[in-house]
Amino acid sequence: MKTARFSRIGFILAAVGSAVGLGNIWKFPYVTGEYGGGAFVLVYLITALFIGIFVLIAELLIGKMGQSDAVSMFENLATKHGKIWKLAGFIVVLPLIILSYYSVVIGWIFHYIVISFNNLPTTVKESTDNFLTLLTADYQTQLFYHTVVFVIVTAIILKGIKDGIEKINKILMPLLGVILGILFIYSINIDSFSNAVHFMFDPDFSKLSSTAIVVAIGQAFYTLSLGMGIIITYAASLPKQSNIVKSSMIIAVIDTVVAIVAGLIIFTLLFDKGAESTKGAGLVFISLPSVFYEFGNAGQFLSILFFVAIAFAGLTSAISMMEPTVLYLIERFKMTRTKAAMICSLFFYLLGIVTLFSNVNEYSEMLKVGEKSFFDWVDFVCSTILVPFGGILVVVFVGYFMDKEKINEELIPLMGKTFVKIWFFMVRYIIPVALVAVILNETGIFKF
């Protein structure tokens, strides 16, 4: 059992720091634009409430009751087949793999902070050329910033729960809130803000397909950092008297508010200059930089704030991705934190170099499998298959293989018998089916 514990506010900020990441500011506006604006947002909010919070409660429950590393918690809390269920705990390796390419993307963000000071692209074509050059040719710049991220994340993890993870989240999360607040206030004073509000909150259900509903479920799940052992690991360091239901609601609400605010900011800026919301990297690294340029001196300031905000969100998520495996090595193999952190850091750093070079023209064919680069394969397999599968393991484990009486003892005082029954029903029957639908849809096995 670990001696270091989060304070109550420290845990909330760390969990929010894990949940609030690139998925909120990068992916959410894009999928909102693609799947019908307000109708998609409405479904997203409903799924964040009924799926996100319920799975958050399940993960916090495992962590609070298990008080160890994720592998040991699955093994020890299982009422039967504990030796098999400990395999589920190895979902802690998943975020470390994700971190390999996540670190590269944060490196791009650092690069764009620098160019925001005096070198914003003047047109969409110039913006496109700049990003493609960075991605496919300028591996030196990418490698430099990937190394910077490696050093920062490792240094924080080496400090541990209280002096590292909690302290940095107490600094970066409030700063992120302030920056988003400034950008939001600026957006309110732009004429196109009303268009952004209508787009995001006036549902057009004719645009809402069954695919959009499944995508909304996946997006709500992904942005809350579920199914990866992160929340479970953090919850093992919860203060003993913590209210996990209240904590789940706070985390989900803050995470959702950040996604909504980011969407309003981005759509306001895009609509004001007649730009389009494009997929993935294109939105943040192509569309927005040229839009910022059109705002003149104010645009330069906005660009710096925007990319610093994303960098903060990315770093707090990156830290959370490394801690579960570090804790596993400490608890199971009695390693020092220094040794465990260095092993994990070198793993994601070296794998990140491979993902980085898989996009570089000179090496891309060598690191290509089928039609996808190694970078794209890692992203696809992790986010599309393994993350929702990890969520399925969590809810099936809690719903069928943990001691129901102990769960009731923990939850009934917090939720009441009726809501606990509803929660059990969702965890046992509805959520596993919904997450299977996400995997089938995203992999193309079955399109809804």
Protein backbone atom coordinates (compact mmCIF):
# COMPACT_ATOMS: atom_id res chain seq x y z
CA MET A 1 0.00 0.00 0.00
CA LYS A 2 1.27 3.45 -0.88
CA THR A 3 1.92 6.06 1.79
CA ALA A 4 1.52 9.08 -0.48
CA ARG A 5 -2.07 10.23 -1.01
CA PHE A 6 -3.73 13.01 -2.91
CA SER A 7 -5.52 15.74 -1.05
CA ARG A 8 -9.20 15.93 -2.05
CA ILE A 9 -8.67 18.93 -4.33
CA GLY A 10 -5.41 17.42 -5.53
CA PHE A 11 -7.17 14.26 -6.66
CA ILE A 12 -9.93 16.18 -8.45
CA LEU A 13 -7.40 18.36 -10.29
CA ALA A 14 -5.22 15.36 -11.18
CA ALA A 15 -8.22 13.38 -12.47
CA VAL A 16 -9.50 16.40 -14.39
CA GLY A 17 -5.96 16.96 -15.69
CA SER A 18 -5.98 13.41 -16.98
CA ALA A 19 -9.43 13.74 -18.55
CA VAL A 20 -8.95 17.20 -20.06
CA GLY A 21 -6.56 16.65 -22.93
CA LEU A 22 -6.25 16.83 -26.68
CA GLY A 23 -9.52 14.94 -27.07
CA ASN A 24 -11.44 17.92 -25.63
CA ILE A 25 -9.77 20.73 -27.55
CA TRP A 26 -8.68 18.91 -30.69
CA LYS A 27 -11.11 16.09 -31.43
CA PHE A 28 -14.39 17.31 -29.91
CA PRO A 29 -14.85 20.36 -32.21
CA TYR A 30 -14.04 18.26 -35.27
CA VAL A 31 -16.49 15.43 -34.52
CA THR A 32 -19.13 18.00 -33.52
CA GLY A 33 -18.77 19.62 -36.93
CA GLU A 34 -18.88 16.31 -38.77
CA TYR A 35 -21.89 14.84 -36.98
CA GLY A 36 -24.43 17.62 -36.97
CA GLY A 37 -23.51 20.22 -34.37
CA GLY A 38 -26.21 20.66 -31.74
CA ALA A 39 -27.77 17.22 -32.13
CA PHE A 40 -24.40 15.56 -31.64
CA VAL A 41 -23.61 17.77 -28.62
CA LEU A 42 -26.94 16.79 -27.02
CA VAL A 43 -26.19 13.07 -27.44
CA TYR A 44 -22.64 13.64 -26.19
CA LEU A 45 -23.95 15.31 -23.03
CA ILE A 46 -26.41 12.49 -22.38
CA THR A 47 -23.77 9.80 -22.90
CA ALA A 48 -21.25 11.66 -20.75
CA LEU A 49 -23.87 11.66 -17.99
CA PHE A 50 -25.19 8.10 -18.26
CA ILE A 51 -22.07 6.30 -19.45
CA GLY A 52 -19.14 8.52 -18.50
CA ILE A 53 -20.13 9.11 -14.89
CA PHE A 54 -21.24 5.50 -14.33
CA VAL A 55 -17.92 4.13 -15.63
CA LEU A 56 -16.04 6.75 -13.62
CA ILE A 57 -17.79 5.50 -10.49
CA ALA A 58 -16.82 1.93 -11.39
CA GLU A 59 -13.16 2.84 -11.86
CA LEU A 60 -13.02 4.94 -8.70
CA LEU A 61 -14.65 2.06 -6.84
CA ILE A 62 -11.93 -0.38 -7.94
CA GLY A 63 -9.19 2.07 -6.96
CA LYS A 64 -10.63 3.02 -3.58
CA MET A 65 -11.39 -0.57 -2.59
CA GLY A 66 -8.19 -2.04 -4.06
CA GLN A 67 -5.56 0.44 -2.79
CA SER A 68 -2.73 -0.97 -4.91
CA ASP A 69 -1.53 -1.13 -8.52
CA ALA A 70 -4.18 -1.98 -11.14
CA VAL A 71 -3.00 -5.54 -11.76
CA SER A 72 -3.12 -6.39 -8.05
CA MET A 73 -6.49 -4.68 -7.63
CA PHE A 74 -8.17 -6.76 -10.33
CA GLU A 75 -6.61 -9.92 -8.90
CA ASN A 76 -7.43 -9.20 -5.26
CA LEU A 77 -10.95 -7.81 -5.69
CA ALA A 78 -12.20 -10.61 -7.94
CA THR A 79 -14.66 -12.93 -6.18
CA LYS A 80 -13.55 -15.69 -8.56
CA HIS A 81 -10.99 -16.25 -11.32
CA GLY A 82 -8.63 -13.73 -9.75
CA LYS A 83 -5.57 -15.08 -11.59
CA ILE A 84 -7.32 -14.53 -14.90
CA TRP A 85 -8.70 -11.12 -13.97
CA LYS A 86 -5.26 -9.80 -13.09
CA LEU A 87 -4.63 -9.83 -16.85
CA ALA A 88 -7.23 -7.06 -17.12
CA GLY A 89 -4.96 -4.92 -14.96
CA PHE A 90 -2.45 -4.82 -17.78
CA ILE A 91 -4.58 -2.13 -19.39
CA VAL A 92 -2.12 0.10 -17.51
CA VAL A 93 0.35 -0.49 -20.37
CA LEU A 94 -2.13 0.99 -22.86
CA PRO A 95 -1.75 4.66 -21.84
CA LEU A 96 2.04 4.28 -21.96
CA ILE A 97 1.76 3.14 -25.59
CA ILE A 98 -0.62 6.02 -26.34
CA LEU A 99 1.90 8.38 -24.75
CA SER A 100 4.47 7.41 -27.40
CA TYR A 101 2.58 9.32 -30.11
CA TYR A 102 0.80 11.71 -27.75
CA SER A 103 4.24 13.07 -26.80
CA VAL A 104 5.01 13.70 -30.47
CA VAL A 105 1.75 15.66 -30.86
CA ILE A 106 2.50 17.73 -27.74
CA GLY A 107 5.87 18.42 -29.38
CA TRP A 108 4.05 19.84 -32.41
CA ILE A 109 2.10 22.08 -30.04
CA PHE A 110 5.33 23.37 -28.45
CA HIS A 111 6.60 24.15 -31.94
CA TYR A 112 3.45 26.11 -32.74
CA ILE A 113 3.77 28.11 -29.53
CA VAL A 114 7.17 29.24 -30.78
CA ILE A 115 6.03 30.13 -34.31
CA SER A 116 3.00 31.98 -32.89
CA PHE A 117 5.32 34.75 -31.70
CA ASN A 118 6.42 35.94 -35.13
CA ASN A 119 5.84 33.40 -37.88
CA LEU A 120 2.13 32.60 -38.25
CA PRO A 121 1.20 31.38 -41.75
CA THR A 122 -0.62 33.98 -43.81
CA THR A 123 -2.81 31.60 -45.85
CA VAL A 124 -4.32 28.13 -45.54
CA LYS A 125 -1.94 26.93 -48.28
CA GLU A 126 1.09 28.23 -46.39
CA SER A 127 -0.27 26.72 -43.18
CA THR A 128 -0.75 23.37 -44.92
CA ASP A 129 2.74 23.44 -46.42
CA ASN A 130 4.30 24.34 -43.07
CA PHE A 131 2.62 21.51 -41.21
CA LEU A 132 3.32 18.92 -43.89
CA THR A 133 6.97 19.97 -43.94
CA LEU A 134 7.15 19.56 -40.17
CA LEU A 135 5.40 16.19 -40.33
CA THR A 136 7.12 14.61 -43.31
CA ALA A 137 10.59 16.23 -43.50
CA ASP A 138 11.61 18.21 -40.41
CA TYR A 139 12.25 15.28 -38.07
CA GLN A 140 14.96 17.26 -36.23
CA THR A 141 12.40 19.74 -34.88
CA GLN A 142 9.96 16.96 -33.98
CA LEU A 143 12.69 14.98 -32.24
CA PHE A 144 13.80 18.03 -30.27
CA TYR A 145 10.32 18.76 -28.91
CA HIS A 146 9.54 15.08 -28.32
CA THR A 147 12.69 15.03 -26.16
CA VAL A 148 11.54 18.15 -24.30
CA VAL A 149 8.22 16.46 -23.48
CA PHE A 150 10.09 13.32 -22.37
CA VAL A 151 12.22 15.36 -19.96
CA ILE A 152 9.29 17.34 -18.51
CA VAL A 153 7.01 14.32 -17.97
CA THR A 154 9.82 12.21 -16.49
CA ALA A 155 10.88 14.99 -14.11
CA ILE A 156 7.33 15.37 -12.78
CA ILE A 157 6.74 11.62 -12.37
CA LEU A 158 10.03 11.27 -10.50
CA LYS A 159 8.65 13.66 -7.86
CA GLY A 160 5.80 11.27 -7.02
CA ILE A 161 2.13 11.78 -6.15
CA LYS A 162 2.25 14.79 -3.82
CA ASP A 163 5.29 16.73 -5.00
CA GLY A 164 4.96 15.85 -8.68
CA ILE A 165 1.53 14.97 -10.06
CA GLU A 166 -0.60 16.88 -7.54
CA LYS A 167 1.61 19.96 -7.49
CA ILE A 168 1.84 20.36 -11.27
CA ASN A 169 -1.92 19.90 -11.68
CA LYS A 170 -2.56 22.54 -9.01
CA ILE A 171 -0.55 24.93 -11.17
CA LEU A 172 -1.47 23.97 -14.74
CA MET A 173 -5.21 23.27 -14.38
CA PRO A 174 -6.10 26.70 -12.92
CA LEU A 175 -3.87 28.33 -15.56
CA LEU A 176 -5.67 26.34 -18.26
CA GLY A 177 -8.98 27.59 -16.87
CA VAL A 178 -7.77 31.21 -16.91
CA ILE A 179 -6.49 30.94 -20.50
CA LEU A 180 -9.70 29.34 -21.77
CA GLY A 181 -11.63 32.03 -19.88
CA ILE A 182 -9.71 34.80 -21.67
CA LEU A 183 -10.23 33.15 -25.06
CA PHE A 184 -13.92 32.62 -24.30
CA ILE A 185 -14.46 36.26 -23.26
CA TYR A 186 -12.71 37.40 -26.46
CA SER A 187 -14.94 35.06 -28.51
CA ILE A 188 -18.12 36.41 -26.93
CA ASN A 189 -17.29 39.84 -28.36
CA ILE A 190 -17.01 38.52 -31.93
CA ASP A 191 -20.17 38.64 -34.07
CA SER A 192 -19.79 35.03 -35.15
CA PHE A 193 -20.12 33.83 -31.52
CA SER A 194 -23.90 33.67 -31.93
CA ASN A 195 -23.42 31.47 -35.00
CA ALA A 196 -21.19 29.15 -32.97
CA VAL A 197 -23.79 28.97 -30.19
CA HIS A 198 -26.57 28.14 -32.67
CA PHE A 199 -24.39 25.54 -34.37
CA MET A 200 -23.53 23.79 -31.12
CA PHE A 201 -26.84 24.04 -29.28
CA ASP A 202 -29.60 24.11 -31.91
CA PRO A 203 -30.08 20.41 -32.61
CA ASP A 204 -30.91 19.39 -36.17
CA PHE A 205 -32.03 15.80 -35.63
CA SER A 206 -32.20 15.17 -39.37
CA LYS A 207 -28.39 15.12 -39.28
CA LEU A 208 -28.26 12.73 -36.35
CA SER A 209 -27.55 9.20 -37.55
CA SER A 210 -27.04 6.02 -35.55
CA THR A 211 -23.33 6.38 -36.38
CA ALA A 212 -23.29 9.81 -34.74
CA ILE A 213 -24.79 8.34 -31.57
CA VAL A 214 -22.11 5.63 -31.41
CA VAL A 215 -19.38 8.20 -32.08
CA ALA A 216 -20.76 10.41 -29.28
CA ILE A 217 -20.52 7.46 -26.88
CA GLY A 218 -16.91 6.85 -27.91
CA GLN A 219 -16.03 10.54 -27.62
CA ALA A 220 -17.54 10.87 -24.14
CA PHE A 221 -15.67 7.76 -23.06
CA TYR A 222 -12.33 8.75 -24.61
CA THR A 223 -12.24 12.30 -23.23
CA LEU A 224 -12.74 11.07 -19.64
CA SER A 225 -9.58 8.86 -19.78
CA LEU A 226 -11.61 5.74 -19.06
CA GLY A 227 -10.61 2.15 -19.81
CA MET A 228 -6.87 2.74 -19.38
CA GLY A 229 -6.26 2.18 -15.67
CA ILE A 230 -5.48 5.87 -15.10
CA ILE A 231 -8.49 6.74 -12.95
CA ILE A 232 -8.21 3.38 -11.15
CA THR A 233 -4.57 4.13 -10.30
CA TYR A 234 -5.27 7.68 -9.16
CA ALA A 235 -8.21 6.47 -7.06
CA ALA A 236 -5.90 4.13 -5.15
CA SER A 237 -4.38 7.30 -3.66
CA LEU A 238 -7.73 8.87 -2.74
CA PRO A 239 -8.25 10.23 0.76
CA LYS A 240 -10.06 7.49 2.71
CA GLN A 241 -13.27 9.43 3.29
CA SER A 242 -13.67 10.60 -0.32
CA ASN A 243 -17.10 10.63 -1.92
CA ILE A 244 -16.43 8.84 -5.21
CA VAL A 245 -19.89 9.63 -6.63
CA LYS A 246 -19.47 13.36 -6.07
CA SER A 247 -15.91 13.19 -7.44
CA SER A 248 -17.16 11.41 -10.58
CA MET A 249 -19.75 14.09 -11.22
CA ILE A 250 -17.26 16.92 -10.72
CA ILE A 251 -14.71 15.33 -13.06
CA ALA A 252 -17.30 14.65 -15.78
CA VAL A 253 -18.84 18.12 -15.54
CA ILE A 254 -15.52 19.98 -15.71
CA ASP A 255 -14.31 17.78 -18.57
CA THR A 256 -17.52 18.38 -20.53
CA VAL A 257 -17.49 22.14 -19.86
CA VAL A 258 -13.92 22.38 -21.19
CA ALA A 259 -14.92 20.51 -24.37
CA ILE A 260 -17.96 22.77 -24.90
CA VAL A 261 -16.03 26.00 -24.23
CA ALA A 262 -13.21 24.89 -26.53
CA GLY A 263 -15.75 24.12 -29.24
CA LEU A 264 -17.41 27.53 -28.90
CA ILE A 265 -14.04 29.30 -29.07
CA ILE A 266 -12.85 27.36 -32.11
CA PHE A 267 -16.11 27.61 -34.07
CA THR A 268 -16.37 31.33 -33.34
CA LEU A 269 -12.90 31.95 -34.77
CA LEU A 270 -13.46 29.66 -37.75
CA PHE A 271 -16.87 31.09 -38.63
CA ASP A 272 -15.62 34.67 -38.31
CA LYS A 273 -13.07 34.11 -41.07
CA GLY A 274 -15.12 31.67 -43.13
CA ALA A 275 -12.75 28.76 -42.43
CA GLU A 276 -13.75 25.11 -42.19
CA SER A 277 -13.49 22.59 -39.38
CA THR A 278 -11.22 19.87 -40.74
CA LYS A 279 -10.28 16.50 -39.35
CA GLY A 280 -7.73 15.91 -36.59
CA ALA A 281 -4.40 17.62 -37.06
CA GLY A 282 -5.83 19.76 -39.86
CA LEU A 283 -8.08 21.67 -37.46
CA VAL A 284 -5.45 22.70 -34.92
CA PHE A 285 -2.30 22.88 -37.04
CA ILE A 286 -3.66 24.04 -40.43
CA SER A 287 -7.03 25.82 -40.17
CA LEU A 288 -6.53 27.75 -36.93
CA PRO A 289 -2.98 29.15 -37.43
CA SER A 290 -4.00 30.90 -40.66
CA VAL A 291 -7.21 32.11 -38.98
CA PHE A 292 -5.18 33.57 -36.11
CA TYR A 293 -3.05 35.48 -38.63
CA GLU A 294 -6.17 37.17 -40.04
CA PHE A 295 -6.90 38.64 -36.60
CA GLY A 296 -3.70 40.71 -36.79
CA ASN A 297 -1.84 41.53 -33.56
CA ALA A 298 -4.72 40.19 -31.49
CA GLY A 299 -4.47 36.94 -33.43
CA GLN A 300 -0.84 36.50 -32.44
CA PHE A 301 -1.81 36.84 -28.78
CA LEU A 302 -4.77 34.48 -29.26
CA SER A 303 -2.56 31.92 -30.98
CA ILE A 304 -0.03 31.92 -28.14
CA LEU A 305 -2.78 31.54 -25.53
CA PHE A 306 -4.52 28.81 -27.50
CA PHE A 307 -1.45 26.64 -28.04
CA VAL A 308 -0.25 27.16 -24.46
CA ALA A 309 -3.70 25.99 -23.26
CA ILE A 310 -3.47 22.84 -25.39
CA ALA A 311 0.10 22.25 -24.18
CA PHE A 312 -1.06 22.43 -20.55
CA ALA A 313 -3.94 20.04 -21.26
CA GLY A 314 -1.61 17.68 -23.11
CA LEU A 315 1.04 17.65 -20.39
CA THR A 316 -1.36 16.90 -17.54
CA SER A 317 -2.77 14.02 -19.58
CA ALA A 318 0.73 12.79 -20.48
CA ILE A 319 1.70 12.64 -16.81
CA SER A 320 -1.39 10.57 -16.00
CA MET A 321 -0.58 8.15 -18.83
CA MET A 322 2.75 7.22 -17.30
CA GLU A 323 1.83 6.83 -13.63
CA PRO A 324 -0.20 3.56 -13.85
CA THR A 325 2.71 1.52 -15.24
CA VAL A 326 5.19 3.23 -12.92
CA LEU A 327 3.06 2.27 -9.93
CA TYR A 328 2.75 -1.31 -11.20
CA LEU A 329 6.54 -1.67 -11.38
CA ILE A 330 6.94 -0.14 -7.90
CA GLU A 331 4.27 -2.30 -6.25
CA ARG A 332 4.85 -5.63 -7.99
CA PHE A 333 8.61 -5.59 -8.48
CA LYS A 334 9.60 -3.38 -5.51
CA MET A 335 11.45 -0.98 -7.78
CA THR A 336 12.37 2.52 -6.70
CA ARG A 337 10.28 5.25 -8.30
CA THR A 338 13.40 6.47 -10.10
CA LYS A 339 14.06 3.11 -11.75
CA ALA A 340 10.40 2.51 -12.63
CA ALA A 341 9.99 6.02 -14.06
CA MET A 342 13.12 5.74 -16.20
CA ILE A 343 12.03 2.37 -17.64
CA CYS A 344 8.61 3.75 -18.56
CA SER A 345 10.03 7.02 -19.88
CA LEU A 346 12.55 5.32 -22.12
CA PHE A 347 9.85 2.97 -23.42
CA PHE A 348 7.49 5.75 -24.55
CA TYR A 349 10.37 7.94 -25.75
CA LEU A 350 11.91 5.25 -27.99
CA LEU A 351 8.54 4.06 -29.28
CA GLY A 352 7.68 7.72 -29.91
CA ILE A 353 10.74 8.08 -32.11
CA VAL A 354 9.50 5.18 -34.24
CA THR A 355 6.02 6.77 -34.55
CA LEU A 356 7.63 10.10 -35.39
CA PHE A 357 9.82 8.70 -38.17
CA SER A 358 6.92 6.70 -39.62
CA ASN A 359 5.53 10.00 -40.97
CA VAL A 360 8.85 11.18 -42.42
CA ASN A 361 9.06 10.65 -46.18
CA GLU A 362 12.54 9.15 -46.04
CA TYR A 363 11.45 6.38 -43.65
CA SER A 364 7.68 6.12 -44.13
CA GLU A 365 7.68 3.12 -46.50
CA MET A 366 9.92 1.18 -44.14
CA LEU A 367 7.52 1.85 -41.22
CA LYS A 368 4.27 1.35 -43.10
CA VAL A 369 1.89 -1.58 -42.61
CA GLY A 370 -0.74 -1.82 -45.31
CA GLU A 371 -2.17 1.61 -45.99
CA LYS A 372 -1.41 3.06 -42.56
CA SER A 373 1.79 4.44 -41.06
CA PHE A 374 3.01 3.02 -37.76
CA PHE A 375 1.84 6.28 -36.13
CA ASP A 376 -1.68 5.82 -37.49
CA TRP A 377 -1.79 2.13 -36.55
CA VAL A 378 -0.83 2.80 -32.93
CA ASP A 379 -3.43 5.57 -32.71
CA PHE A 380 -6.12 3.46 -34.40
CA VAL A 381 -5.59 0.26 -32.39
CA CYS A 382 -5.30 2.05 -29.03
CA SER A 383 -8.10 4.61 -29.27
CA THR A 384 -10.53 2.62 -31.42
CA ILE A 385 -10.19 -0.90 -30.03
CA LEU A 386 -8.18 -1.15 -26.82
CA VAL A 387 -9.57 1.87 -24.90
CA PRO A 388 -13.25 0.86 -25.25
CA PHE A 389 -12.26 -2.80 -24.68
CA GLY A 390 -10.57 -1.71 -21.44
CA GLY A 391 -13.84 -0.06 -20.48
CA ILE A 392 -15.73 -3.29 -21.18
CA LEU A 393 -13.34 -5.17 -18.88
CA VAL A 394 -13.89 -2.61 -16.12
CA VAL A 395 -17.70 -2.66 -16.17
CA VAL A 396 -17.94 -6.47 -16.57
CA PHE A 397 -15.51 -6.91 -13.68
CA VAL A 398 -17.37 -4.52 -11.38
CA GLY A 399 -20.79 -5.76 -12.48
CA TYR A 400 -20.16 -9.48 -12.18
CA PHE A 401 -16.88 -10.28 -10.41
CA MET A 402 -16.63 -7.91 -7.46
CA ASP A 403 -18.32 -8.46 -4.09
CA LYS A 404 -21.79 -6.93 -4.54
CA GLU A 405 -22.34 -6.51 -0.80
CA LYS A 406 -19.14 -4.48 -0.42
CA ILE A 407 -20.09 -2.38 -3.43
CA ASN A 408 -23.50 -1.70 -1.86
CA GLU A 409 -21.84 -0.75 1.43
CA GLU A 410 -19.72 1.79 -0.45
CA LEU A 411 -22.36 3.21 -2.80
CA ILE A 412 -25.76 3.06 -1.06
CA PRO A 413 -24.84 5.76 1.52
CA LEU A 414 -23.74 7.96 -1.40
CA MET A 415 -26.47 7.21 -3.97
CA GLY A 416 -29.36 5.43 -2.26
CA LYS A 417 -30.66 1.93 -3.08
CA THR A 418 -32.66 2.95 -6.15
CA PHE A 419 -29.80 4.71 -7.91
CA VAL A 420 -27.40 1.91 -7.05
CA LYS A 421 -29.78 -0.55 -8.74
CA ILE A 422 -29.91 1.71 -11.82
CA TRP A 423 -26.11 1.96 -11.79
CA PHE A 424 -25.76 -1.84 -11.58
CA PHE A 425 -28.19 -2.26 -14.48
CA MET A 426 -26.25 0.21 -16.64
CA VAL A 427 -22.89 -1.31 -15.75
CA ARG A 428 -24.00 -4.89 -16.33
CA TYR A 429 -26.15 -4.59 -19.44
CA ILE A 430 -26.22 -1.23 -21.21
CA ILE A 431 -22.64 0.05 -21.11
CA PRO A 432 -20.92 -3.16 -22.29
CA VAL A 433 -23.27 -3.31 -25.29
CA ALA A 434 -22.70 0.39 -26.05
CA LEU A 435 -18.91 -0.04 -25.97
CA VAL A 436 -19.06 -3.11 -28.19
CA ALA A 437 -21.07 -0.98 -30.64
CA VAL A 438 -18.33 1.67 -30.53
CA ILE A 439 -15.64 -0.90 -31.39
CA LEU A 440 -17.71 -2.47 -34.20
CA ASN A 441 -18.52 0.93 -35.70
CA GLU A 442 -15.06 2.45 -35.45
CA THR A 443 -13.31 -0.62 -36.86
CA GLY A 444 -15.80 -0.83 -39.72
CA ILE A 445 -16.83 -4.38 -38.80
CA PHE A 446 -20.42 -3.17 -38.56
CA LYS A 447 -21.55 0.35 -39.41
CA PHE A 448 -24.55 1.65 -37.51
